PDB file of N, CA and C in Angstrom:
ATOM      1  N   MET A   1     138.969  81.029 104.748  1.00  0.00           N
ATOM      2  CA  MET A   1     137.495  81.600 105.162  1.00  0.00           C
ATOM      3  C   MET A   1     137.595  82.249 106.350  1.00  0.00           C
ATOM      4  N   LYS A   2     137.075  83.600 106.554  1.00  0.00           N
ATOM      5  CA  LYS A   2     137.111  84.028 107.944  1.00  0.00           C
ATOM      6  C   LYS A   2     135.819  84.787 108.267  1.00  0.00           C
ATOM      7  N   ILE A   3     135.228  84.294 109.453  1.00  0.00           N
ATOM      8  CA  ILE A   3     134.017  84.904 109.865  1.00  0.00           C
ATOM      9  C   ILE A   3     134.060  85.244 111.126  1.00  0.00           C
ATOM     10  N   MET A   4     133.882  86.841 111.090  1.00  0.00           N
ATOM     11  CA  MET A   4     133.831  87.316 112.432  1.00  0.00           C
ATOM     12  C   MET A   4     132.328  87.442 113.088  1.00  0.00           C
ATOM     13  N   ILE A   5     132.403  87.024 114.503  1.00  0.00           N
ATOM     14  CA  ILE A   5     131.249  87.109 115.114  1.00  0.00           C
ATOM     15  C   ILE A   5     131.150  88.070 116.389  1.00  0.00           C
ATOM     16  N   VAL A   6     130.017  89.288 116.023  1.00  0.00           N
ATOM     17  CA  VAL A   6     130.471  90.169 117.170  1.00  0.00           C
ATOM     18  C   VAL A   6     129.014  90.100 118.205  1.00  0.00           C
ATOM     19  N   GLU A   7     129.069  89.847 119.154  1.00  0.00           N
ATOM     20  CA  GLU A   7     127.859  89.396 119.890  1.00  0.00           C
ATOM     21  C   GLU A   7     128.272  89.723 121.482  1.00  0.00           C
ATOM     22  N   ASP A   8     127.450  90.187 122.205  1.00  0.00           N
ATOM     23  CA  ASP A   8     128.075  90.414 123.394  1.00  0.00           C
ATOM     24  C   ASP A   8     127.440  89.367 124.705  1.00  0.00           C
ATOM     25  N   HIS A   9     126.642  88.408 124.343  1.00  0.00           N
ATOM     26  CA  HIS A   9     126.302  87.345 125.146  1.00  0.00           C
ATOM     27  C   HIS A   9     127.383  86.127 124.728  1.00  0.00           C
ATOM     28  N   GLU A  10     128.131  85.758 125.661  1.00  0.00           N
ATOM     29  CA  GLU A  10     129.057  84.690 125.424  1.00  0.00           C
ATOM     30  C   GLU A  10     128.455  83.430 124.857  1.00  0.00           C
ATOM     31  N   GLY A  11     127.328  83.190 125.693  1.00  0.00           N
ATOM     32  CA  GLY A  11     126.548  81.686 125.049  1.00  0.00           C
ATOM     33  C   GLY A  11     125.971  81.618 123.976  1.00  0.00           C
ATOM     34  N   MET A  12     125.650  82.916 122.949  1.00  0.00           N
ATOM     35  CA  MET A  12     125.174  82.927 121.922  1.00  0.00           C
ATOM     36  C   MET A  12     126.385  83.094 120.819  1.00  0.00           C
ATOM     37  N   ARG A  13     127.453  83.951 121.307  1.00  0.00           N
ATOM     38  CA  ARG A  13     128.542  83.826 120.464  1.00  0.00           C
ATOM     39  C   ARG A  13     129.076  82.286 120.313  1.00  0.00           C
ATOM     40  N   GLN A  14     128.964  81.776 121.259  1.00  0.00           N
ATOM     41  CA  GLN A  14     129.417  80.060 121.332  1.00  0.00           C
ATOM     42  C   GLN A  14     128.665  79.314 120.406  1.00  0.00           C
ATOM     43  N   LEU A  15     127.361  79.641 120.546  1.00  0.00           N
ATOM     44  CA  LEU A  15     126.188  78.954 119.885  1.00  0.00           C
ATOM     45  C   LEU A  15     126.505  79.212 118.348  1.00  0.00           C
ATOM     46  N   LEU A  16     126.654  80.420 118.152  1.00  0.00           N
ATOM     47  CA  LEU A  16     127.025  80.755 116.728  1.00  0.00           C
ATOM     48  C   LEU A  16     128.161  80.164 116.071  1.00  0.00           C
ATOM     49  N   LYS A  17     129.171  80.286 117.020  1.00  0.00           N
ATOM     50  CA  LYS A  17     130.470  79.550 116.340  1.00  0.00           C
ATOM     51  C   LYS A  17     130.326  78.082 116.148  1.00  0.00           C
ATOM     52  N   SER A  18     129.567  77.408 117.132  1.00  0.00           N
ATOM     53  CA  SER A  18     129.573  75.839 116.943  1.00  0.00           C
ATOM     54  C   SER A  18     128.616  75.633 115.800  1.00  0.00           C
ATOM     55  N   MET A  19     127.717  76.195 115.649  1.00  0.00           N
ATOM     56  CA  MET A  19     126.842  76.022 114.398  1.00  0.00           C
ATOM     57  C   MET A  19     127.478  76.291 113.159  1.00  0.00           C
ATOM     58  N   ILE A  20     128.387  77.590 113.038  1.00  0.00           N
ATOM     59  CA  ILE A  20     129.140  77.794 111.710  1.00  0.00           C
ATOM     60  C   ILE A  20     130.060  76.530 111.489  1.00  0.00           C
ATOM     61  N   LEU A  21     130.904  76.366 112.445  1.00  0.00           N
ATOM     62  CA  LEU A  21     131.854  75.105 112.347  1.00  0.00           C
ATOM     63  C   LEU A  21     131.473  73.578 112.240  1.00  0.00           C
ATOM     64  N   SER A  22     130.322  73.638 112.724  1.00  0.00           N
ATOM     65  CA  SER A  22     129.842  72.292 112.471  1.00  0.00           C
ATOM     66  C   SER A  22     129.194  72.136 111.113  1.00  0.00           C
ATOM     67  N   HIS A  23     128.611  73.024 110.488  1.00  0.00           N
ATOM     68  CA  HIS A  23     127.798  73.088 109.112  1.00  0.00           C
ATOM     69  C   HIS A  23     128.783  73.120 108.095  1.00  0.00           C
ATOM     70  N   PHE A  24     129.857  74.105 107.898  1.00  0.00           N
ATOM     71  CA  PHE A  24     130.682  74.494 107.121  1.00  0.00           C
ATOM     72  C   PHE A  24     131.973  73.656 107.168  1.00  0.00           C
ATOM     73  N   LYS A  25     132.104  72.495 106.240  1.00  0.00           N
ATOM     74  CA  LYS A  25     133.091  71.776 106.211  1.00  0.00           C
ATOM     75  C   LYS A  25     134.553  72.164 106.061  1.00  0.00           C
ATOM     76  N   ASP A  26     134.446  73.540 105.235  1.00  0.00           N
ATOM     77  CA  ASP A  26     135.602  74.154 104.522  1.00  0.00           C
ATOM     78  C   ASP A  26     136.278  74.693 105.968  1.00  0.00           C
ATOM     79  N   SER A  27     137.692  75.097 105.677  1.00  0.00           N
ATOM     80  CA  SER A  27     138.357  75.505 106.975  1.00  0.00           C
ATOM     81  C   SER A  27     137.852  76.884 107.100  1.00  0.00           C
ATOM     82  N   ILE A  28     137.261  77.243 108.291  1.00  0.00           N
ATOM     83  CA  ILE A  28     136.863  78.519 108.602  1.00  0.00           C
ATOM     84  C   ILE A  28     137.589  78.922 109.872  1.00  0.00           C
ATOM     85  N   VAL A  29     137.720  80.201 109.857  1.00  0.00           N
ATOM     86  CA  VAL A  29     138.606  80.859 111.160  1.00  0.00           C
ATOM     87  C   VAL A  29     137.070  81.780 111.555  1.00  0.00           C
ATOM     88  N   ILE A  30     137.212  81.602 113.118  1.00  0.00           N
ATOM     89  CA  ILE A  30     136.132  82.307 113.600  1.00  0.00           C
ATOM     90  C   ILE A  30     136.828  83.359 114.410  1.00  0.00           C
ATOM     91  N   ILE A  31     136.330  84.731 114.266  1.00  0.00           N
ATOM     92  CA  ILE A  31     136.973  85.772 115.054  1.00  0.00           C
ATOM     93  C   ILE A  31     135.814  86.255 115.918  1.00  0.00           C
ATOM     94  N   GLU A  32     136.259  86.175 117.266  1.00  0.00           N
ATOM     95  CA  GLU A  32     135.077  86.651 118.327  1.00  0.00           C
ATOM     96  C   GLU A  32     135.280  87.914 118.768  1.00  0.00           C
ATOM     97  N   CYS A  33     134.136  88.720 118.760  1.00  0.00           N
ATOM     98  CA  CYS A  33     134.365  89.776 119.260  1.00  0.00           C
ATOM     99  C   CYS A  33     133.065  89.936 120.273  1.00  0.00           C
ATOM    100  N   GLU A  34     133.263  90.465 121.447  1.00  0.00           N
ATOM    101  CA  GLU A  34     132.407  90.736 122.701  1.00  0.00           C
ATOM    102  C   GLU A  34     131.593  91.986 122.671  1.00  0.00           C
ATOM    103  N   ASN A  35     132.077  93.048 121.719  1.00  0.00           N
ATOM    104  CA  ASN A  35     131.334  94.266 121.746  1.00  0.00           C
ATOM    105  C   ASN A  35     131.723  94.797 120.572  1.00  0.00           C
ATOM    106  N   GLY A  36     131.048  95.936 120.057  1.00  0.00           N
ATOM    107  CA  GLY A  36     131.414  96.827 118.776  1.00  0.00           C
ATOM    108  C   GLY A  36     132.884  97.532 118.921  1.00  0.00           C
ATOM    109  N   GLU A  37     133.491  97.766 119.711  1.00  0.00           N
ATOM    110  CA  GLU A  37     134.585  98.481 119.927  1.00  0.00           C
ATOM    111  C   GLU A  37     135.702  97.332 119.412  1.00  0.00           C
ATOM    112  N   ARG A  38     135.492  96.112 119.910  1.00  0.00           N
ATOM    113  CA  ARG A  38     136.575  95.085 119.444  1.00  0.00           C
ATOM    114  C   ARG A  38     136.364  94.622 118.191  1.00  0.00           C
ATOM    115  N   ALA A  39     135.348  94.716 117.441  1.00  0.00           N
ATOM    116  CA  ALA A  39     135.080  94.659 116.228  1.00  0.00           C
ATOM    117  C   ALA A  39     135.615  95.720 115.371  1.00  0.00           C
ATOM    118  N   ILE A  40     135.570  96.698 115.788  1.00  0.00           N
ATOM    119  CA  ILE A  40     136.237  98.074 114.993  1.00  0.00           C
ATOM    120  C   ILE A  40     137.862  97.670 115.182  1.00  0.00           C
ATOM    121  N   GLU A  41     138.124  97.286 116.107  1.00  0.00           N
ATOM    122  CA  GLU A  41     139.444  97.088 116.496  1.00  0.00           C
ATOM    123  C   GLU A  41     140.067  96.229 115.645  1.00  0.00           C
ATOM    124  N   LYS A  42     139.435  94.717 115.497  1.00  0.00           N
ATOM    125  CA  LYS A  42     139.847  93.632 114.957  1.00  0.00           C
ATOM    126  C   LYS A  42     139.775  93.475 113.403  1.00  0.00           C
ATOM    127  N   PHE A  43     138.628  94.199 113.078  1.00  0.00           N
ATOM    128  CA  PHE A  43     138.160  94.032 111.654  1.00  0.00           C
ATOM    129  C   PHE A  43     139.613  94.380 110.545  1.00  0.00           C
ATOM    130  N   PRO A  44     140.405  95.514 110.759  1.00  0.00           N
ATOM    131  CA  PRO A  44     141.314  95.765 109.797  1.00  0.00           C
ATOM    132  C   PRO A  44     142.333  94.528 110.120  1.00  0.00           C
ATOM    133  N   LYS A  45     142.696  94.149 111.279  1.00  0.00           N
ATOM    134  CA  LYS A  45     143.965  93.104 111.324  1.00  0.00           C
ATOM    135  C   LYS A  45     143.423  91.787 110.457  1.00  0.00           C
ATOM    136  N   ASN A  46     142.110  91.539 110.810  1.00  0.00           N
ATOM    137  CA  ASN A  46     141.639  90.227 110.434  1.00  0.00           C
ATOM    138  C   ASN A  46     141.019  90.141 108.931  1.00  0.00           C
ATOM    139  N   LYS A  47     140.530  91.286 108.385  1.00  0.00           N
ATOM    140  CA  LYS A  47     139.545  91.378 107.254  1.00  0.00           C
ATOM    141  C   LYS A  47     138.983  90.061 107.106  1.00  0.00           C
ATOM    142  N   PRO A  48     137.841  89.875 107.591  1.00  0.00           N
ATOM    143  CA  PRO A  48     136.816  88.893 107.760  1.00  0.00           C
ATOM    144  C   PRO A  48     136.189  88.821 106.306  1.00  0.00           C
ATOM    145  N   ASP A  49     135.702  87.748 105.883  1.00  0.00           N
ATOM    146  CA  ASP A  49     134.928  87.594 104.651  1.00  0.00           C
ATOM    147  C   ASP A  49     133.525  87.737 104.888  1.00  0.00           C
ATOM    148  N   LEU A  50     133.201  87.763 106.134  1.00  0.00           N
ATOM    149  CA  LEU A  50     131.722  88.082 106.495  1.00  0.00           C
ATOM    150  C   LEU A  50     131.549  88.172 108.010  1.00  0.00           C
ATOM    151  N   VAL A  51     130.861  89.279 108.511  1.00  0.00           N
ATOM    152  CA  VAL A  51     130.573  89.538 109.578  1.00  0.00           C
ATOM    153  C   VAL A  51     129.327  89.168 110.190  1.00  0.00           C
ATOM    154  N   LEU A  52     128.974  88.507 111.263  1.00  0.00           N
ATOM    155  CA  LEU A  52     127.561  88.225 111.758  1.00  0.00           C
ATOM    156  C   LEU A  52     127.631  89.263 113.157  1.00  0.00           C
ATOM    157  N   MET A  53     126.837  90.034 112.850  1.00  0.00           N
ATOM    158  CA  MET A  53     126.583  91.629 113.969  1.00  0.00           C
ATOM    159  C   MET A  53     125.333  91.457 114.614  1.00  0.00           C
ATOM    160  N   ASP A  54     125.488  91.210 116.074  1.00  0.00           N
ATOM    161  CA  ASP A  54     124.238  91.693 116.866  1.00  0.00           C
ATOM    162  C   ASP A  54     124.040  93.099 116.752  1.00  0.00           C
ATOM    163  N   ILE A  55     122.796  93.412 117.037  1.00  0.00           N
ATOM    164  CA  ILE A  55     122.689  94.833 117.103  1.00  0.00           C
ATOM    165  C   ILE A  55     122.537  95.396 118.467  1.00  0.00           C
ATOM    166  N   GLU A  56     121.815  94.966 119.261  1.00  0.00           N
ATOM    167  CA  GLU A  56     121.669  95.263 120.741  1.00  0.00           C
ATOM    168  C   GLU A  56     122.898  94.755 121.682  1.00  0.00           C
ATOM    169  N   MET A  57     123.843  95.895 121.797  1.00  0.00           N
ATOM    170  CA  MET A  57     125.099  95.614 122.579  1.00  0.00           C
ATOM    171  C   MET A  57     125.091  96.903 123.340  1.00  0.00           C
ATOM    172  N   GLY A  58     126.262  96.753 124.165  1.00  0.00           N
ATOM    173  CA  GLY A  58     126.598  97.866 125.276  1.00  0.00           C
ATOM    174  C   GLY A  58     126.561  99.370 124.514  1.00  0.00           C
ATOM    175  N   GLU A  59     127.807  99.786 124.700  1.00  0.00           N
ATOM    176  CA  GLU A  59     127.744 101.234 124.465  1.00  0.00           C
ATOM    177  C   GLU A  59     127.786 101.517 122.843  1.00  0.00           C
ATOM    178  N   LEU A  60     128.255 100.718 122.055  1.00  0.00           N
ATOM    179  CA  LEU A  60     128.476 100.872 120.449  1.00  0.00           C
ATOM    180  C   LEU A  60     127.371  99.530 120.017  1.00  0.00           C
ATOM    181  N   ASP A  61     126.295 100.119 119.473  1.00  0.00           N
ATOM    182  CA  ASP A  61     125.309  98.933 118.969  1.00  0.00           C
ATOM    183  C   ASP A  61     125.938  98.587 117.497  1.00  0.00           C
ATOM    184  N   GLY A  62     124.982  97.527 117.099  1.00  0.00           N
ATOM    185  CA  GLY A  62     125.614  96.986 115.765  1.00  0.00           C
ATOM    186  C   GLY A  62     125.291  97.531 114.470  1.00  0.00           C
ATOM    187  N   PHE A  63     124.293  98.849 114.807  1.00  0.00           N
ATOM    188  CA  PHE A  63     124.306  99.521 113.772  1.00  0.00           C
ATOM    189  C   PHE A  63     125.344 100.585 113.574  1.00  0.00           C
ATOM    190  N   GLN A  64     125.726 101.168 114.697  1.00  0.00           N
ATOM    191  CA  GLN A  64     126.692 102.202 114.943  1.00  0.00           C
ATOM    192  C   GLN A  64     128.173 101.601 114.506  1.00  0.00           C
ATOM    193  N   THR A  65     128.449 100.190 115.008  1.00  0.00           N
ATOM    194  CA  THR A  65     129.582  99.513 114.638  1.00  0.00           C
ATOM    195  C   THR A  65     129.850  99.311 113.056  1.00  0.00           C
ATOM    196  N   THR A  66     128.358  98.907 112.435  1.00  0.00           N
ATOM    197  CA  THR A  66     128.428  98.830 111.053  1.00  0.00           C
ATOM    198  C   THR A  66     128.889 100.102 110.395  1.00  0.00           C
ATOM    199  N   GLU A  67     128.425 101.251 110.938  1.00  0.00           N
ATOM    200  CA  GLU A  67     128.680 102.623 110.063  1.00  0.00           C
ATOM    201  C   GLU A  67     130.074 102.911 110.197  1.00  0.00           C
ATOM    202  N   ILE A  68     130.610 102.498 111.360  1.00  0.00           N
ATOM    203  CA  ILE A  68     131.862 102.757 111.478  1.00  0.00           C
ATOM    204  C   ILE A  68     132.776 101.941 110.472  1.00  0.00           C
ATOM    205  N   ILE A  69     132.704 100.657 110.515  1.00  0.00           N
ATOM    206  CA  ILE A  69     133.397  99.738 109.713  1.00  0.00           C
ATOM    207  C   ILE A  69     133.216  99.990 108.075  1.00  0.00           C
ATOM    208  N   HIS A  70     131.975 100.297 107.864  1.00  0.00           N
ATOM    209  CA  HIS A  70     131.608 100.618 106.384  1.00  0.00           C
ATOM    210  C   HIS A  70     132.195 101.807 105.811  1.00  0.00           C
ATOM    211  N   SER A  71     132.565 102.784 106.920  1.00  0.00           N
ATOM    212  CA  SER A  71     133.174 104.223 106.626  1.00  0.00           C
ATOM    213  C   SER A  71     134.468 103.922 105.900  1.00  0.00           C
ATOM    214  N   THR A  72     135.314 102.796 106.612  1.00  0.00           N
ATOM    215  CA  THR A  72     136.731 102.854 106.138  1.00  0.00           C
ATOM    216  C   THR A  72     136.682 101.173 104.905  1.00  0.00           C
ATOM    217  N   TYR A  73     135.791 100.437 105.455  1.00  0.00           N
ATOM    218  CA  TYR A  73     135.642  99.261 104.462  1.00  0.00           C
ATOM    219  C   TYR A  73     134.415  99.190 104.000  1.00  0.00           C
ATOM    220  N   PRO A  74     134.036  99.890 102.867  1.00  0.00           N
ATOM    221  CA  PRO A  74     132.455  99.648 102.328  1.00  0.00           C
ATOM    222  C   PRO A  74     132.275  98.267 101.572  1.00  0.00           C
ATOM    223  N   GLU A  75     133.007  97.390 101.299  1.00  0.00           N
ATOM    224  CA  GLU A  75     133.084  96.361 101.082  1.00  0.00           C
ATOM    225  C   GLU A  75     132.771  95.210 102.044  1.00  0.00           C
ATOM    226  N   ALA A  76     132.600  95.513 103.366  1.00  0.00           N
ATOM    227  CA  ALA A  76     132.546  94.597 104.430  1.00  0.00           C
ATOM    228  C   ALA A  76     131.113  93.772 104.320  1.00  0.00           C
ATOM    229  N   LYS A  77     131.312  92.710 104.369  1.00  0.00           N
ATOM    230  CA  LYS A  77     129.965  92.009 104.068  1.00  0.00           C
ATOM    231  C   LYS A  77     129.282  91.644 105.727  1.00  0.00           C
ATOM    232  N   ILE A  78     128.350  92.256 106.008  1.00  0.00           N
ATOM    233  CA  ILE A  78     127.667  92.183 107.410  1.00  0.00           C
ATOM    234  C   ILE A  78     126.406  91.688 107.300  1.00  0.00           C
ATOM    235  N   ILE A  79     126.203  90.664 108.102  1.00  0.00           N
ATOM    236  CA  ILE A  79     124.881  90.128 108.232  1.00  0.00           C
ATOM    237  C   ILE A  79     124.347  90.411 109.693  1.00  0.00           C
ATOM    238  N   PHE A  80     123.197  91.142 109.948  1.00  0.00           N
ATOM    239  CA  PHE A  80     122.816  91.310 111.310  1.00  0.00           C
ATOM    240  C   PHE A  80     121.948  90.161 111.817  1.00  0.00           C
ATOM    241  N   VAL A  81     122.060  89.691 113.130  1.00  0.00           N
ATOM    242  CA  VAL A  81     121.620  88.717 113.856  1.00  0.00           C
ATOM    243  C   VAL A  81     121.175  89.187 115.148  1.00  0.00           C
ATOM    244  N   SER A  82     119.530  89.161 115.152  1.00  0.00           N
ATOM    245  CA  SER A  82     119.286  89.803 116.382  1.00  0.00           C
ATOM    246  C   SER A  82     117.890  89.241 116.991  1.00  0.00           C
ATOM    247  N   SER A  83     117.726  89.242 118.109  1.00  0.00           N
ATOM    248  CA  SER A  83     116.593  88.937 118.692  1.00  0.00           C
ATOM    249  C   SER A  83     115.133  90.120 118.491  1.00  0.00           C
ATOM    250  N   ASN A  84     115.495  91.098 118.115  1.00  0.00           N
ATOM    251  CA  ASN A  84     114.688  92.054 117.818  1.00  0.00           C
ATOM    252  C   ASN A  84     114.278  92.127 116.472  1.00  0.00           C
ATOM    253  N   ASP A  85     113.277  91.227 115.932  1.00  0.00           N
ATOM    254  CA  ASP A  85     112.811  91.112 114.426  1.00  0.00           C
ATOM    255  C   ASP A  85     111.916  92.086 113.957  1.00  0.00           C
ATOM    256  N   SER A  86     111.910  93.292 114.591  1.00  0.00           N
ATOM    257  CA  SER A  86     111.024  94.451 114.229  1.00  0.00           C
ATOM    258  C   SER A  86     111.232  94.926 112.762  1.00  0.00           C
ATOM    259  N   THR A  87     110.328  95.457 112.268  1.00  0.00           N
ATOM    260  CA  THR A  87     110.345  96.227 110.971  1.00  0.00           C
ATOM    261  C   THR A  87     111.283  97.069 110.881  1.00  0.00           C
ATOM    262  N   GLU A  88     111.362  97.937 111.831  1.00  0.00           N
ATOM    263  CA  GLU A  88     112.330  99.096 112.222  1.00  0.00           C
ATOM    264  C   GLU A  88     113.731  98.648 111.821  1.00  0.00           C
ATOM    265  N   PHE A  89     114.059  97.683 112.657  1.00  0.00           N
ATOM    266  CA  PHE A  89     115.600  97.076 112.742  1.00  0.00           C
ATOM    267  C   PHE A  89     115.769  96.518 111.207  1.00  0.00           C
ATOM    268  N   ARG A  90     114.842  95.877 110.535  1.00  0.00           N
ATOM    269  CA  ARG A  90     114.869  95.336 109.219  1.00  0.00           C
ATOM    270  C   ARG A  90     115.390  96.632 108.175  1.00  0.00           C
ATOM    271  N   LYS A  91     114.687  97.362 108.298  1.00  0.00           N
ATOM    272  CA  LYS A  91     114.615  98.479 107.486  1.00  0.00           C
ATOM    273  C   LYS A  91     116.066  99.224 107.606  1.00  0.00           C
ATOM    274  N   LYS A  92     116.418  99.601 108.846  1.00  0.00           N
ATOM    275  CA  LYS A  92     117.760 100.176 109.354  1.00  0.00           C
ATOM    276  C   LYS A  92     118.732  99.345 108.762  1.00  0.00           C
ATOM    277  N   ALA A  93     118.885  98.179 108.910  1.00  0.00           N
ATOM    278  CA  ALA A  93     119.700  96.931 108.254  1.00  0.00           C
ATOM    279  C   ALA A  93     120.092  97.123 106.862  1.00  0.00           C
ATOM    280  N   LYS A  94     118.728  97.246 106.211  1.00  0.00           N
ATOM    281  CA  LYS A  94     118.802  97.539 104.667  1.00  0.00           C
ATOM    282  C   LYS A  94     119.457  98.688 104.370  1.00  0.00           C
ATOM    283  N   LYS A  95     119.063  99.874 104.938  1.00  0.00           N
ATOM    284  CA  LYS A  95     119.672 101.039 104.839  1.00  0.00           C
ATOM    285  C   LYS A  95     120.994 101.216 105.067  1.00  0.00           C
ATOM    286  N   LEU A  96     121.670 100.417 105.764  1.00  0.00           N
ATOM    287  CA  LEU A  96     122.971  99.951 106.182  1.00  0.00           C
ATOM    288  C   LEU A  96     123.866  99.226 105.247  1.00  0.00           C
ATOM    289  N   ASN A  97     123.069  98.934 104.333  1.00  0.00           N
ATOM    290  CA  ASN A  97     123.746  97.942 103.294  1.00  0.00           C
ATOM    291  C   ASN A  97     123.929  96.428 103.840  1.00  0.00           C
ATOM    292  N   ALA A  98     123.110  95.996 104.860  1.00  0.00           N
ATOM    293  CA  ALA A  98     123.642  94.764 105.270  1.00  0.00           C
ATOM    294  C   ALA A  98     123.222  93.782 104.257  1.00  0.00           C
ATOM    295  N   LEU A  99     124.019  92.577 104.144  1.00  0.00           N
ATOM    296  CA  LEU A  99     123.510  91.515 103.034  1.00  0.00           C
ATOM    297  C   LEU A  99     122.230  90.970 103.696  1.00  0.00           C
ATOM    298  N   ASP A 100     122.138  90.760 104.796  1.00  0.00           N
ATOM    299  CA  ASP A 100     120.863  90.116 105.382  1.00  0.00           C
ATOM    300  C   ASP A 100     120.465  90.327 106.741  1.00  0.00           C
ATOM    301  N   PHE A 101     119.542  89.754 107.231  1.00  0.00           N
ATOM    302  CA  PHE A 101     119.004  89.817 108.677  1.00  0.00           C
ATOM    303  C   PHE A 101     118.603  88.688 109.103  1.00  0.00           C
ATOM    304  N   VAL A 102     119.051  87.860 110.093  1.00  0.00           N
ATOM    305  CA  VAL A 102     118.567  86.716 110.639  1.00  0.00           C
ATOM    306  C   VAL A 102     118.051  87.230 112.055  1.00  0.00           C
ATOM    307  N   SER A 103     116.928  86.539 112.147  1.00  0.00           N
ATOM    308  CA  SER A 103     116.240  86.697 113.675  1.00  0.00           C
ATOM    309  C   SER A 103     116.599  85.340 114.631  1.00  0.00           C
ATOM    310  N   LYS A 104     116.973  85.962 115.802  1.00  0.00           N
ATOM    311  CA  LYS A 104     117.558  84.713 116.930  1.00  0.00           C
ATOM    312  C   LYS A 104     116.451  83.853 117.154  1.00  0.00           C
ATOM    313  N   GLU A 105     115.144  84.042 116.732  1.00  0.00           N
ATOM    314  CA  GLU A 105     114.011  83.185 116.767  1.00  0.00           C
ATOM    315  C   GLU A 105     114.154  81.948 115.708  1.00  0.00           C
ATOM    316  N   THR A 106     114.763  82.344 114.756  1.00  0.00           N
ATOM    317  CA  THR A 106     114.870  81.521 113.418  1.00  0.00           C
ATOM    318  C   THR A 106     116.252  80.959 113.132  1.00  0.00           C
ATOM    319  N   LEU A 107     117.183  81.056 114.111  1.00  0.00           N
ATOM    320  CA  LEU A 107     118.646  81.009 114.011  1.00  0.00           C
ATOM    321  C   LEU A 107     119.062  79.927 113.100  1.00  0.00           C
ATOM    322  N   SER A 108     118.254  78.834 112.724  1.00  0.00           N
ATOM    323  CA  SER A 108     118.830  77.863 111.661  1.00  0.00           C
ATOM    324  C   SER A 108     118.774  78.586 110.422  1.00  0.00           C
ATOM    325  N   ASP A 109     118.269  79.715 110.084  1.00  0.00           N
ATOM    326  CA  ASP A 109     118.282  80.175 109.109  1.00  0.00           C
ATOM    327  C   ASP A 109     119.816  80.807 108.591  1.00  0.00           C
ATOM    328  N   ILE A 110     120.544  80.843 109.494  1.00  0.00           N
ATOM    329  CA  ILE A 110     121.641  81.401 109.264  1.00  0.00           C
ATOM    330  C   ILE A 110     122.654  80.338 108.261  1.00  0.00           C
ATOM    331  N   TYR A 111     122.376  79.169 108.336  1.00  0.00           N
ATOM    332  CA  TYR A 111     123.205  78.191 107.481  1.00  0.00           C
ATOM    333  C   TYR A 111     122.922  78.498 106.011  1.00  0.00           C
ATOM    334  N   GLU A 112     121.460  79.028 105.606  1.00  0.00           N
ATOM    335  CA  GLU A 112     121.365  79.452 104.392  1.00  0.00           C
ATOM    336  C   GLU A 112     121.809  80.744 103.896  1.00  0.00           C
ATOM    337  N   VAL A 113     121.771  81.682 104.927  1.00  0.00           N
ATOM    338  CA  VAL A 113     121.979  83.154 104.753  1.00  0.00           C
ATOM    339  C   VAL A 113     123.594  83.093 104.590  1.00  0.00           C
ATOM    340  N   VAL A 114     124.482  82.367 105.279  1.00  0.00           N
ATOM    341  CA  VAL A 114     125.895  82.483 105.380  1.00  0.00           C
ATOM    342  C   VAL A 114     126.457  81.745 104.100  1.00  0.00           C
ATOM    343  N   GLU A 115     125.781  80.611 103.749  1.00  0.00           N
ATOM    344  CA  GLU A 115     126.190  79.877 102.479  1.00  0.00           C
ATOM    345  C   GLU A 115     125.832  80.692 101.339  1.00  0.00           C
ATOM    346  N   LYS A 116     124.782  81.576 101.200  1.00  0.00           N
ATOM    347  CA  LYS A 116     124.611  82.405 100.114  1.00  0.00           C
ATOM    348  C   LYS A 116     125.527  83.468  99.955  1.00  0.00           C
ATOM    349  N   ASN A 117     125.975  83.828 101.051  1.00  0.00           N
ATOM    350  CA  ASN A 117     126.809  85.169 101.102  1.00  0.00           C
ATOM    351  C   ASN A 117     128.239  84.854 101.124  1.00  0.00           C
ATOM    352  N   LEU A 118     128.662  83.596 101.137  1.00  0.00           N
ATOM    353  CA  LEU A 118     130.022  83.184 101.107  1.00  0.00           C
ATOM    354  C   LEU A 118     130.190  82.694  99.579  1.00  0.00           C
ATOM    355  N   ALA A 119     129.227  82.585  99.074  1.00  0.00           N
ATOM    356  CA  ALA A 119     129.574  81.899  97.536  1.00  0.00           C
ATOM    357  C   ALA A 119     130.055  82.983  96.623  1.00  0.00           C
TER     358      ALA A 119
END
């Protein structure tokens, strides 16, 4: 099982990684990307089963990154993880065929969302 974490803040990336690795006992490989450009570069090489995608990042945000990945890999499973829990962001995530949306305010929801989408 491979999970790609796309997050520009090192601390949050490490937190997500440790949450996933400690909760899911199956062998999970974590692919870390510090921005959208790296995610686009690493996606074809790693073919992750699931992507946890931050939205507000540097030059290429999570929405743009998702559009680019989905243009070549429409089957990519992407879950947005964002501190901006606005209706606008949730609508845009749905429009981009995201599997789900997790607010960083309620990050513990990540367990249920990942479990549901890896099944």
